[in-house]
C-alpha atoms as a PDB file:
ATOM      1  CA  MET A   1      -8.513 122.493  27.868  1.00  0.00           C
ATOM      2  CA  ASN A   2      -8.249 124.524  24.655  1.00  0.00           C
ATOM      3  CA  LEU A   3      -6.313 122.764  21.794  1.00  0.00           C
ATOM      4  CA  HIS A   4      -6.889 125.482  19.263  1.00  0.00           C
ATOM      5  CA  GLY A   5      -4.362 127.860  18.359  1.00  0.00           C
ATOM      6  CA  VAL A   6      -0.574 128.066  18.440  1.00  0.00           C
ATOM      7  CA  PHE A   7       1.413 126.062  20.904  1.00  0.00           C
ATOM      8  CA  PRO A   8       5.599 126.243  20.694  1.00  0.00           C
ATOM      9  CA  PRO A   9       7.291 122.885  21.459  1.00  0.00           C
ATOM     10  CA  ILE A  10       9.520 124.709  23.904  1.00  0.00           C
ATOM     11  CA  PRO A  11      13.275 123.694  24.166  1.00  0.00           C
ATOM     12  CA  THR A  12      14.571 122.318  27.603  1.00  0.00           C
ATOM     13  CA  PRO A  13      17.712 124.893  28.818  1.00  0.00           C
ATOM     14  CA  PHE A  14      20.750 123.004  29.675  1.00  0.00           C
ATOM     15  CA  LYS A  15      23.750 124.779  31.924  1.00  0.00           C
ATOM     16  CA  ASP A  16      26.672 122.464  31.882  1.00  0.00           C
ATOM     17  CA  ASP A  17      24.352 119.410  30.595  1.00  0.00           C
ATOM     18  CA  ALA A  18      22.107 119.704  33.668  1.00  0.00           C
ATOM     19  CA  ILE A  19      19.053 121.336  32.789  1.00  0.00           C
ATOM     20  CA  ASP A  20      18.671 124.612  33.988  1.00  0.00           C
ATOM     21  CA  THR A  21      14.989 125.290  35.180  1.00  0.00           C
ATOM     22  CA  ALA A  22      15.488 128.922  36.232  1.00  0.00           C
ATOM     23  CA  ALA A  23      16.331 129.555  32.417  1.00  0.00           C
ATOM     24  CA  LEU A  24      13.037 127.561  32.095  1.00  0.00           C
ATOM     25  CA  ARG A  25      11.230 129.522  34.038  1.00  0.00           C
ATOM     26  CA  ARG A  26      12.205 132.854  32.313  1.00  0.00           C
ATOM     27  CA  ASN A  27      11.363 131.846  28.903  1.00  0.00           C
ATOM     28  CA  ILE A  28       8.323 130.448  29.752  1.00  0.00           C
ATOM     29  CA  GLU A  29       6.901 134.014  31.218  1.00  0.00           C
ATOM     30  CA  LYS A  30       8.103 135.438  28.093  1.00  0.00           C
ATOM     31  CA  TRP A  31       6.285 132.895  26.105  1.00  0.00           C
ATOM     32  CA  MET A  32       3.020 133.564  28.283  1.00  0.00           C
ATOM     33  CA  ALA A  33       3.111 137.383  27.680  1.00  0.00           C
ATOM     34  CA  THR A  34       2.195 136.540  23.851  1.00  0.00           C
ATOM     35  CA  LYS A  35      -1.153 135.509  22.511  1.00  0.00           C
ATOM     36  CA  LEU A  36      -0.312 131.670  22.591  1.00  0.00           C
ATOM     37  CA  SER A  37      -2.732 129.093  23.504  1.00  0.00           C
ATOM     38  CA  GLY A  38      -0.013 127.516  25.945  1.00  0.00           C
ATOM     39  CA  LEU A  39       2.502 125.166  25.110  1.00  0.00           C
ATOM     40  CA  LEU A  40       4.311 121.766  25.200  1.00  0.00           C
ATOM     41  CA  LEU A  41       6.980 120.385  26.928  1.00  0.00           C
ATOM     42  CA  LEU A  42       9.259 117.594  26.186  1.00  0.00           C
ATOM     43  CA  GLY A  43       8.434 116.987  22.930  1.00  0.00           C
ATOM     44  CA  SER A  44      10.962 116.562  19.841  1.00  0.00           C
ATOM     45  CA  ASN A  45      12.163 120.040  20.378  1.00  0.00           C
ATOM     46  CA  GLY A  46      12.568 119.320  23.917  1.00  0.00           C
ATOM     47  CA  GLU A  47      14.953 116.941  23.489  1.00  0.00           C
ATOM     48  CA  ALA A  48      12.802 113.980  25.403  1.00  0.00           C
ATOM     49  CA  PRO A  49      14.669 111.305  24.388  1.00  0.00           C
ATOM     50  CA  LEU A  50      17.638 112.619  26.264  1.00  0.00           C
ATOM     51  CA  VAL A  51      16.099 113.529  29.343  1.00  0.00           C
ATOM     52  CA  ASP A  52      15.671 111.173  32.287  1.00  0.00           C
ATOM     53  CA  GLN A  53      12.907 110.834  34.522  1.00  0.00           C
ATOM     54  CA  ASP A  54      13.720 112.828  37.479  1.00  0.00           C
ATOM     55  CA  ASP A  55      14.952 115.610  35.051  1.00  0.00           C
ATOM     56  CA  ALA A  56      11.410 115.243  33.476  1.00  0.00           C
ATOM     57  CA  GLU A  57       9.376 115.707  36.929  1.00  0.00           C
ATOM     58  CA  ARG A  58      11.644 118.672  38.041  1.00  0.00           C
ATOM     59  CA  LEU A  59      10.932 120.032  34.316  1.00  0.00           C
ATOM     60  CA  ILE A  60       7.332 119.617  34.498  1.00  0.00           C
ATOM     61  CA  HIS A  61       7.069 120.917  38.456  1.00  0.00           C
ATOM     62  CA  ALA A  62       8.891 124.000  37.280  1.00  0.00           C
ATOM     63  CA  ALA A  63       7.064 124.557  34.231  1.00  0.00           C
ATOM     64  CA  ARG A  64       3.785 124.179  35.689  1.00  0.00           C
ATOM     65  CA  GLU A  65       4.759 126.966  38.652  1.00  0.00           C
ATOM     66  CA  VAL A  66       4.532 129.996  35.710  1.00  0.00           C
ATOM     67  CA  VAL A  67       2.103 128.530  33.071  1.00  0.00           C
ATOM     68  CA  PRO A  68      -1.036 129.930  33.612  1.00  0.00           C
ATOM     69  CA  ARG A  69      -4.401 128.249  34.268  1.00  0.00           C
ATOM     70  CA  ASN A  70      -6.068 129.542  31.601  1.00  0.00           C
ATOM     71  CA  ARG A  71      -3.354 128.213  28.749  1.00  0.00           C
ATOM     72  CA  THR A  72      -3.195 124.375  28.085  1.00  0.00           C
ATOM     73  CA  PHE A  73       0.079 122.620  29.503  1.00  0.00           C
ATOM     74  CA  ILE A  74       0.961 119.956  27.581  1.00  0.00           C
ATOM     75  CA  VAL A  75       3.618 117.314  28.080  1.00  0.00           C
ATOM     76  CA  GLY A  76       5.325 114.760  26.153  1.00  0.00           C
ATOM     77  CA  ALA A  77       5.245 111.262  27.755  1.00  0.00           C
ATOM     78  CA  GLY A  78       5.696 108.665  25.048  1.00  0.00           C
ATOM     79  CA  GLU A  79       7.589 105.564  25.885  1.00  0.00           C
ATOM     80  CA  GLU A  80       8.459 102.229  24.163  1.00  0.00           C
ATOM     81  CA  SER A  81       6.245  99.864  25.834  1.00  0.00           C
ATOM     82  CA  THR A  82       2.755 100.531  26.980  1.00  0.00           C
ATOM     83  CA  ARG A  83       3.600  99.725  30.451  1.00  0.00           C
ATOM     84  CA  VAL A  84       6.287 102.567  31.036  1.00  0.00           C
ATOM     85  CA  THR A  85       4.396 104.848  28.575  1.00  0.00           C
ATOM     86  CA  ILE A  86       1.371 104.378  31.373  1.00  0.00           C
ATOM     87  CA  ALA A  87       3.696 105.147  34.158  1.00  0.00           C
ATOM     88  CA  ALA A  88       5.078 108.198  32.279  1.00  0.00           C
ATOM     89  CA  VAL A  89       2.122 109.593  31.721  1.00  0.00           C
ATOM     90  CA  ARG A  90       0.535 109.314  35.502  1.00  0.00           C
ATOM     91  CA  ARG A  91       3.915 110.870  36.737  1.00  0.00           C
ATOM     92  CA  ALA A  92       3.131 113.872  33.976  1.00  0.00           C
ATOM     93  CA  ALA A  93      -0.492 114.376  35.197  1.00  0.00           C
ATOM     94  CA  ALA A  94       0.711 114.121  38.875  1.00  0.00           C
ATOM     95  CA  ALA A  95       3.388 116.798  38.117  1.00  0.00           C
ATOM     96  CA  GLY A  96       0.578 119.402  36.725  1.00  0.00           C
ATOM     97  CA  ALA A  97       0.047 118.185  32.874  1.00  0.00           C
ATOM     98  CA  ASP A  98      -3.350 119.445  31.283  1.00  0.00           C
ATOM     99  CA  VAL A  99      -2.593 117.143  28.089  1.00  0.00           C
ATOM    100  CA  VAL A 100      -0.240 114.456  27.274  1.00  0.00           C
ATOM    101  CA  LEU A 101       1.467 114.043  24.267  1.00  0.00           C
ATOM    102  CA  VAL A 102       2.138 110.214  23.457  1.00  0.00           C
ATOM    103  CA  ARG A 103       4.426 109.289  20.240  1.00  0.00           C
ATOM    104  CA  THR A 104       4.173 106.064  18.424  1.00  0.00           C
ATOM    105  CA  PRO A 105       6.418 103.466  19.775  1.00  0.00           C
ATOM    106  CA  SER A 106       8.888 102.504  17.286  1.00  0.00           C
ATOM    107  CA  TYR A 107      11.911 100.639  17.913  1.00  0.00           C
ATOM    108  CA  PHE A 108      10.153  97.557  16.192  1.00  0.00           C
ATOM    109  CA  LYS A 109       9.365  98.860  13.193  1.00  0.00           C
ATOM    110  CA  SER A 110       8.469  96.143  11.291  1.00  0.00           C
ATOM    111  CA  GLN A 111       5.666  95.095  14.179  1.00  0.00           C
ATOM    112  CA  MET A 112       4.046  98.436  14.448  1.00  0.00           C
ATOM    113  CA  THR A 113       0.827  97.768  12.685  1.00  0.00           C
ATOM    114  CA  THR A 114      -2.425  99.678  13.022  1.00  0.00           C
ATOM    115  CA  GLU A 115      -3.989  97.225  15.349  1.00  0.00           C
ATOM    116  CA  VAL A 116      -0.745  97.284  17.813  1.00  0.00           C
ATOM    117  CA  PHE A 117      -0.855 101.718  17.874  1.00  0.00           C
ATOM    118  CA  VAL A 118      -4.524 101.402  18.379  1.00  0.00           C
ATOM    119  CA  ARG A 119      -4.902  99.024  21.141  1.00  0.00           C
ATOM    120  CA  HIS A 120      -1.623 100.970  22.743  1.00  0.00           C
ATOM    121  CA  PHE A 121      -3.237 103.994  22.203  1.00  0.00           C
ATOM    122  CA  ILE A 122      -6.243 103.007  24.102  1.00  0.00           C
ATOM    123  CA  ALA A 123      -4.823 100.986  26.598  1.00  0.00           C
ATOM    124  CA  VAL A 124      -2.915 104.284  27.562  1.00  0.00           C
ATOM    125  CA  ALA A 125      -5.897 106.612  27.424  1.00  0.00           C
ATOM    126  CA  ASP A 126      -7.837 104.233  29.667  1.00  0.00           C
ATOM    127  CA  ALA A 127      -4.942 104.715  31.971  1.00  0.00           C
ATOM    128  CA  SER A 128      -4.430 108.387  31.800  1.00  0.00           C
ATOM    129  CA  PRO A 129      -5.852 110.482  34.473  1.00  0.00           C
ATOM    130  CA  VAL A 130      -5.516 113.697  31.515  1.00  0.00           C
ATOM    131  CA  PRO A 131      -6.548 113.739  27.847  1.00  0.00           C
ATOM    132  CA  VAL A 132      -4.130 111.781  25.728  1.00  0.00           C
ATOM    133  CA  LEU A 133      -2.655 113.241  21.841  1.00  0.00           C
ATOM    134  CA  PRO A 134      -1.461 110.532  19.919  1.00  0.00           C
ATOM    135  CA  TYR A 135       1.729 111.989  18.129  1.00  0.00           C
ATOM    136  CA  ASN A 136       2.508 110.803  14.474  1.00  0.00           C
ATOM    137  CA  VAL A 137       6.232 112.043  13.930  1.00  0.00           C
ATOM    138  CA  PRO A 138       7.402 109.514  11.234  1.00  0.00           C
ATOM    139  CA  GLY A 139      10.417 111.673  10.303  1.00  0.00           C
ATOM    140  CA  LEU A 140      12.087 110.568  13.725  1.00  0.00           C
ATOM    141  CA  THR A 141      10.213 107.342  14.730  1.00  0.00           C
ATOM    142  CA  GLY A 142      10.210 105.914  10.970  1.00  0.00           C
ATOM    143  CA  VAL A 143       6.634 104.629  11.445  1.00  0.00           C
ATOM    144  CA  LYS A 144       3.086 105.882  10.473  1.00  0.00           C
ATOM    145  CA  LEU A 145       0.082 106.359  12.507  1.00  0.00           C
ATOM    146  CA  ALA A 146      -2.155 106.134   9.375  1.00  0.00           C
ATOM    147  CA  ALA A 147      -5.380 108.307   9.587  1.00  0.00           C
ATOM    148  CA  GLU A 148      -7.247 104.922   9.731  1.00  0.00           C
ATOM    149  CA  ALA A 149      -6.171 104.340  13.233  1.00  0.00           C
ATOM    150  CA  VAL A 150      -6.661 107.294  14.500  1.00  0.00           C
ATOM    151  CA  ALA A 151     -10.071 107.460  12.998  1.00  0.00           C
ATOM    152  CA  ARG A 152     -10.696 104.223  15.387  1.00  0.00           C
ATOM    153  CA  LEU A 153      -9.045 106.024  18.486  1.00  0.00           C
ATOM    154  CA  ALA A 154     -11.516 109.431  17.760  1.00  0.00           C
ATOM    155  CA  SER A 155     -14.079 107.521  19.691  1.00  0.00           C
ATOM    156  CA  HIS A 156     -12.335 107.497  22.830  1.00  0.00           C
ATOM    157  CA  PRO A 157     -13.411 109.743  25.314  1.00  0.00           C
ATOM    158  CA  ASN A 158     -10.095 110.675  26.582  1.00  0.00           C
ATOM    159  CA  ILE A 159      -8.493 111.042  23.120  1.00  0.00           C
ATOM    160  CA  PRO A 160      -9.869 114.621  22.168  1.00  0.00           C
ATOM    161  CA  GLY A 161      -7.462 114.798  19.166  1.00  0.00           C
ATOM    162  CA  VAL A 162      -3.859 114.284  17.715  1.00  0.00           C
ATOM    163  CA  LYS A 163      -0.605 116.030  16.344  1.00  0.00           C
ATOM    164  CA  ASP A 164       0.852 114.917  13.136  1.00  0.00           C
ATOM    165  CA  SER A 165       4.211 115.975  12.171  1.00  0.00           C
ATOM    166  CA  SER A 166       4.360 113.869   9.228  1.00  0.00           C
ATOM    167  CA  GLY A 167       3.890 117.820   6.652  1.00  0.00           C
ATOM    168  CA  ASP A 168       1.800 115.534   4.618  1.00  0.00           C
ATOM    169  CA  LEU A 169      -1.314 117.740   3.639  1.00  0.00           C
ATOM    170  CA  ALA A 170      -3.088 114.855   2.280  1.00  0.00           C
ATOM    171  CA  GLN A 171      -2.669 112.831   5.646  1.00  0.00           C
ATOM    172  CA  ILE A 172      -3.958 116.048   7.112  1.00  0.00           C
ATOM    173  CA  ALA A 173      -6.966 115.991   5.395  1.00  0.00           C
ATOM    174  CA  ASP A 174      -7.768 112.285   5.835  1.00  0.00           C
ATOM    175  CA  LEU A 175      -7.473 112.999   9.868  1.00  0.00           C
ATOM    176  CA  VAL A 176      -9.757 116.146   9.191  1.00  0.00           C
ATOM    177  CA  THR A 177     -11.942 113.965   6.879  1.00  0.00           C
ATOM    178  CA  LEU A 178     -12.178 110.566   8.773  1.00  0.00           C
ATOM    179  CA  THR A 179     -12.664 111.831  12.411  1.00  0.00           C
ATOM    180  CA  PRO A 180     -16.112 112.981  14.393  1.00  0.00           C
ATOM    181  CA  ARG A 181     -16.637 117.392  13.985  1.00  0.00           C
ATOM    182  CA  GLY A 182     -15.026 118.159  17.643  1.00  0.00           C
ATOM    183  CA  PHE A 183     -12.004 115.538  17.137  1.00  0.00           C
ATOM    184  CA  ASP A 184      -8.966 118.373  17.053  1.00  0.00           C
ATOM    185  CA  VAL A 185      -6.681 117.926  14.369  1.00  0.00           C
ATOM    186  CA  LEU A 186      -3.333 119.903  15.761  1.00  0.00           C
ATOM    187  CA  VAL A 187      -0.355 119.783  13.064  1.00  0.00           C
ATOM    188  CA  GLY A 188       3.658 120.236  13.951  1.00  0.00           C
ATOM    189  CA  SER A 189       5.232 121.154  10.522  1.00  0.00           C
ATOM    190  CA  ALA A 190       4.919 125.357  10.382  1.00  0.00           C
ATOM    191  CA  PRO A 191       5.597 125.104   6.725  1.00  0.00           C
ATOM    192  CA  THR A 192       2.553 123.901   6.114  1.00  0.00           C
ATOM    193  CA  LEU A 193       0.419 125.234   8.940  1.00  0.00           C
ATOM    194  CA  TYR A 194      -1.437 127.853   6.662  1.00  0.00           C
ATOM    195  CA  ALA A 195      -2.462 125.111   4.429  1.00  0.00           C
ATOM    196  CA  SER A 196      -3.567 122.512   7.145  1.00  0.00           C
ATOM    197  CA  LEU A 197      -5.694 125.156   8.924  1.00  0.00           C
ATOM    198  CA  CYS A 198      -7.683 125.418   5.210  1.00  0.00           C
ATOM    199  CA  VAL A 199      -8.325 122.016   5.247  1.00  0.00           C
ATOM    200  CA  GLY A 200     -10.003 121.484   8.662  1.00  0.00           C
ATOM    201  CA  ALA A 201      -6.767 121.562  11.688  1.00  0.00           C
ATOM    202  CA  VAL A 202      -7.275 123.594  14.254  1.00  0.00           C
ATOM    203  CA  GLY A 203      -3.801 124.422  15.265  1.00  0.00           C
ATOM    204  CA  GLY A 204      -0.379 124.083  15.496  1.00  0.00           C
ATOM    205  CA  ILE A 205       2.498 122.978  17.510  1.00  0.00           C
ATOM    206  CA  VAL A 206       5.607 124.116  15.755  1.00  0.00           C
ATOM    207  CA  ALA A 207       8.667 124.952  16.646  1.00  0.00           C
ATOM    208  CA  VAL A 208       9.258 128.479  14.792  1.00  0.00           C
ATOM    209  CA  ALA A 209       6.638 129.578  17.133  1.00  0.00           C
ATOM    210  CA  CYS A 210       9.500 130.040  20.327  1.00  0.00           C
ATOM    211  CA  VAL A 211      11.156 131.667  18.254  1.00  0.00           C
ATOM    212  CA  VAL A 212       8.675 134.326  16.666  1.00  0.00           C
ATOM    213  CA  PRO A 213       5.425 133.469  18.854  1.00  0.00           C
ATOM    214  CA  ASP A 214       3.710 137.237  17.720  1.00  0.00           C
ATOM    215  CA  LEU A 215       4.032 136.151  13.773  1.00  0.00           C
ATOM    216  CA  VAL A 216       2.780 132.470  14.170  1.00  0.00           C
ATOM    217  CA  VAL A 217      -0.534 133.507  16.122  1.00  0.00           C
ATOM    218  CA  ALA A 218      -1.059 136.677  13.622  1.00  0.00           C
ATOM    219  CA  MET A 219      -0.990 134.048  10.452  1.00  0.00           C
ATOM    220  CA  TYR A 220      -3.568 131.781  12.782  1.00  0.00           C
ATOM    221  CA  ASP A 221      -5.320 134.805  13.162  1.00  0.00           C
ATOM    222  CA  LEU A 222      -5.629 135.906   9.976  1.00  0.00           C
ATOM    223  CA  ALA A 223      -6.412 132.516   8.546  1.00  0.00           C
ATOM    224  CA  ALA A 224      -9.395 132.468  10.958  1.00  0.00           C
ATOM    225  CA  ALA A 225     -10.974 135.298   9.857  1.00  0.00           C
ATOM    226  CA  GLY A 226     -10.807 134.496   6.189  1.00  0.00           C
ATOM    227  CA  ARG A 227      -8.290 136.648   5.336  1.00  0.00           C
ATOM    228  CA  HIS A 228      -6.260 134.077   3.054  1.00  0.00           C
ATOM    229  CA  GLU A 229      -3.946 136.273   1.087  1.00  0.00           C
ATOM    230  CA  GLU A 230      -2.653 138.049   4.120  1.00  0.00           C
ATOM    231  CA  ALA A 231      -2.351 134.453   5.731  1.00  0.00           C
ATOM    232  CA  LEU A 232      -0.556 132.967   2.647  1.00  0.00           C
ATOM    233  CA  ALA A 233       2.007 136.282   2.757  1.00  0.00           C
ATOM    234  CA  LEU A 234       2.959 135.576   6.221  1.00  0.00           C
ATOM    235  CA  GLN A 235       3.286 131.980   5.685  1.00  0.00           C
ATOM    236  CA  ARG A 236       5.767 132.633   3.114  1.00  0.00           C
ATOM    237  CA  ARG A 237       7.976 135.010   5.275  1.00  0.00           C
ATOM    238  CA  ILE A 238       7.811 132.910   8.019  1.00  0.00           C
ATOM    239  CA  THR A 239       8.330 129.561   5.944  1.00  0.00           C
ATOM    240  CA  PRO A 240      12.275 129.934   5.869  1.00  0.00           C
ATOM    241  CA  LEU A 241      13.261 130.321   9.453  1.00  0.00           C
ATOM    242  CA  ALA A 242      10.953 127.596  10.136  1.00  0.00           C
ATOM    243  CA  ARG A 243      12.600 124.900   8.264  1.00  0.00           C
ATOM    244  CA  SER A 244      16.037 126.129   9.636  1.00  0.00           C
ATOM    245  CA  VAL A 245      14.927 125.541  13.092  1.00  0.00           C
ATOM    246  CA  THR A 246      13.444 121.924  12.206  1.00  0.00           C
ATOM    247  CA  ALA A 247      14.166 120.052   9.335  1.00  0.00           C
ATOM    248  CA  THR A 248      17.348 121.535   8.429  1.00  0.00           C
ATOM    249  CA  TYR A 249      19.361 122.571  11.633  1.00  0.00           C
ATOM    250  CA  GLY A 250      17.199 120.298  14.351  1.00  0.00           C
ATOM    251  CA  VAL A 251      17.412 121.180  17.953  1.00  0.00           C
ATOM    252  CA  ALA A 252      20.690 123.141  17.243  1.00  0.00           C
ATOM    253  CA  GLY A 253      19.173 125.712  15.026  1.00  0.00           C
ATOM    254  CA  LEU A 254      15.948 126.341  17.140  1.00  0.00           C
ATOM    255  CA  LYS A 255      18.310 126.787  20.216  1.00  0.00           C
ATOM    256  CA  ALA A 256      20.444 129.545  18.221  1.00  0.00           C
ATOM    257  CA  ALA A 257      17.617 131.269  17.154  1.00  0.00           C
ATOM    258  CA  LEU A 258      16.175 131.541  20.312  1.00  0.00           C
ATOM    259  CA  ASP A 259      19.607 132.935  21.788  1.00  0.00           C
ATOM    260  CA  LEU A 260      19.191 135.762  18.692  1.00  0.00           C
ATOM    261  CA  ALA A 261      15.448 136.248  19.554  1.00  0.00           C
ATOM    262  CA  GLY A 262      16.078 137.161  23.356  1.00  0.00           C
ATOM    263  CA  TYR A 263      15.141 133.544  24.906  1.00  0.00           C
ATOM    264  CA  GLU A 264      17.881 131.373  26.535  1.00  0.00           C
ATOM    265  CA  GLY A 265      18.547 129.124  23.911  1.00  0.00           C
ATOM    266  CA  GLY A 266      21.835 127.912  25.232  1.00  0.00           C
ATOM    267  CA  PRO A 267      23.853 124.440  23.849  1.00  0.00           C
ATOM    268  CA  PRO A 268      22.076 120.806  23.433  1.00  0.00           C
ATOM    269  CA  ARG A 269      22.397 118.202  25.645  1.00  0.00           C
ATOM    270  CA  LEU A 270      25.408 115.694  24.537  1.00  0.00           C
ATOM    271  CA  PRO A 271      25.477 114.138  22.087  1.00  0.00           C
ATOM    272  CA  LEU A 272      23.640 116.944  20.108  1.00  0.00           C
ATOM    273  CA  LEU A 273      26.298 119.752  19.450  1.00  0.00           C
ATOM    274  CA  PRO A 274      25.399 123.518  19.079  1.00  0.00           C
ATOM    275  CA  ALA A 275      24.957 124.949  15.673  1.00  0.00           C
ATOM    276  CA  PRO A 276      28.324 126.228  14.070  1.00  0.00           C
ATOM    277  CA  PRO A 277      28.803 129.567  13.495  1.00  0.00           C
ATOM    278  CA  GLN A 278      28.060 129.407   9.648  1.00  0.00           C
ATOM    279  CA  VAL A 279      24.333 128.394  10.596  1.00  0.00           C
ATOM    280  CA  VAL A 280      24.070 131.188  13.247  1.00  0.00           C
ATOM    281  CA  ASP A 281      24.879 133.343  10.312  1.00  0.00           C
ATOM    282  CA  ILE A 282      22.190 131.800   8.114  1.00  0.00           C
ATOM    283  CA  ILE A 283      19.358 131.752  11.155  1.00  0.00           C
ATOM    284  CA  ARG A 284      20.342 135.521  12.205  1.00  0.00           C
ATOM    285  CA  ALA A 285      19.934 136.378   8.702  1.00  0.00           C
ATOM    286  CA  GLN A 286      16.603 134.782   8.210  1.00  0.00           C
ATOM    287  CA  TYR A 287      15.051 135.937  11.754  1.00  0.00           C
ATOM    288  CA  GLU A 288      16.353 139.786  11.237  1.00  0.00           C
ATOM    289  CA  ALA A 289      14.135 139.498   7.845  1.00  0.00           C
ATOM    290  CA  LEU A 290      11.303 138.598   9.640  1.00  0.00           C
ATOM    291  CA  ARG A 291      11.793 141.681  11.932  1.00  0.00           C
ATOM    292  CA  THR A 292      11.716 144.231   9.043  1.00  0.00           C
END
């Protein structure tokens, strides 16, 4: 299992609001022809909250058929209760996941303390057949998994790392500083990917890698080789599109970008709506700027 490098959090293709596993396989085959280290299925950009249990298992089985065994196959499996999360993690592992990504519970926000998170993730990791990555995504959940909590979790043998999508460089630096060597910190914010690598992150699970995987891998490789001026220049080029396919236009923007890039994006699942024409035009200009 390798958690170093670049992983795209791939969208879920839908046709007439039903999952389209054929399109999923075709997209994955294209991504796996690049130098990506693996991929994430059923993350936030995979519209995981809009996918039911049966659909999730079908998607995992379909993806596993085309993800090579030498690439890391990560599957999102977080739920609100510890009990239901454990069941989801076990199903994902049985369907072929190498690693599971488990978001923080968040519905009862005022009660989501460090102690609650530590107990939750330890219970999940104890029960999981595969390694568990805690997932901090405060922009969507409204709660924060503090670096101090991750430091306590880092000693668990079945928790090899963490994904942090806060975009907070100080948080990333704290995660690296407070956890032992060999504990892998991955980031979920492409605009801060280069800077995060500079403070010790080992990789990124970033949406823009779905659209321009070769460029994101090139930036990672430049940073790893110490060619910082070139890596920073590439970061600056990628950032406008990276913002559009995440914080600015969300899943609809990412799927529109995939359509422009020759993948099968298609519409989001209801209640999400497709990107309007004016947004597609903005994304097209940003994408074409990266191709020149």
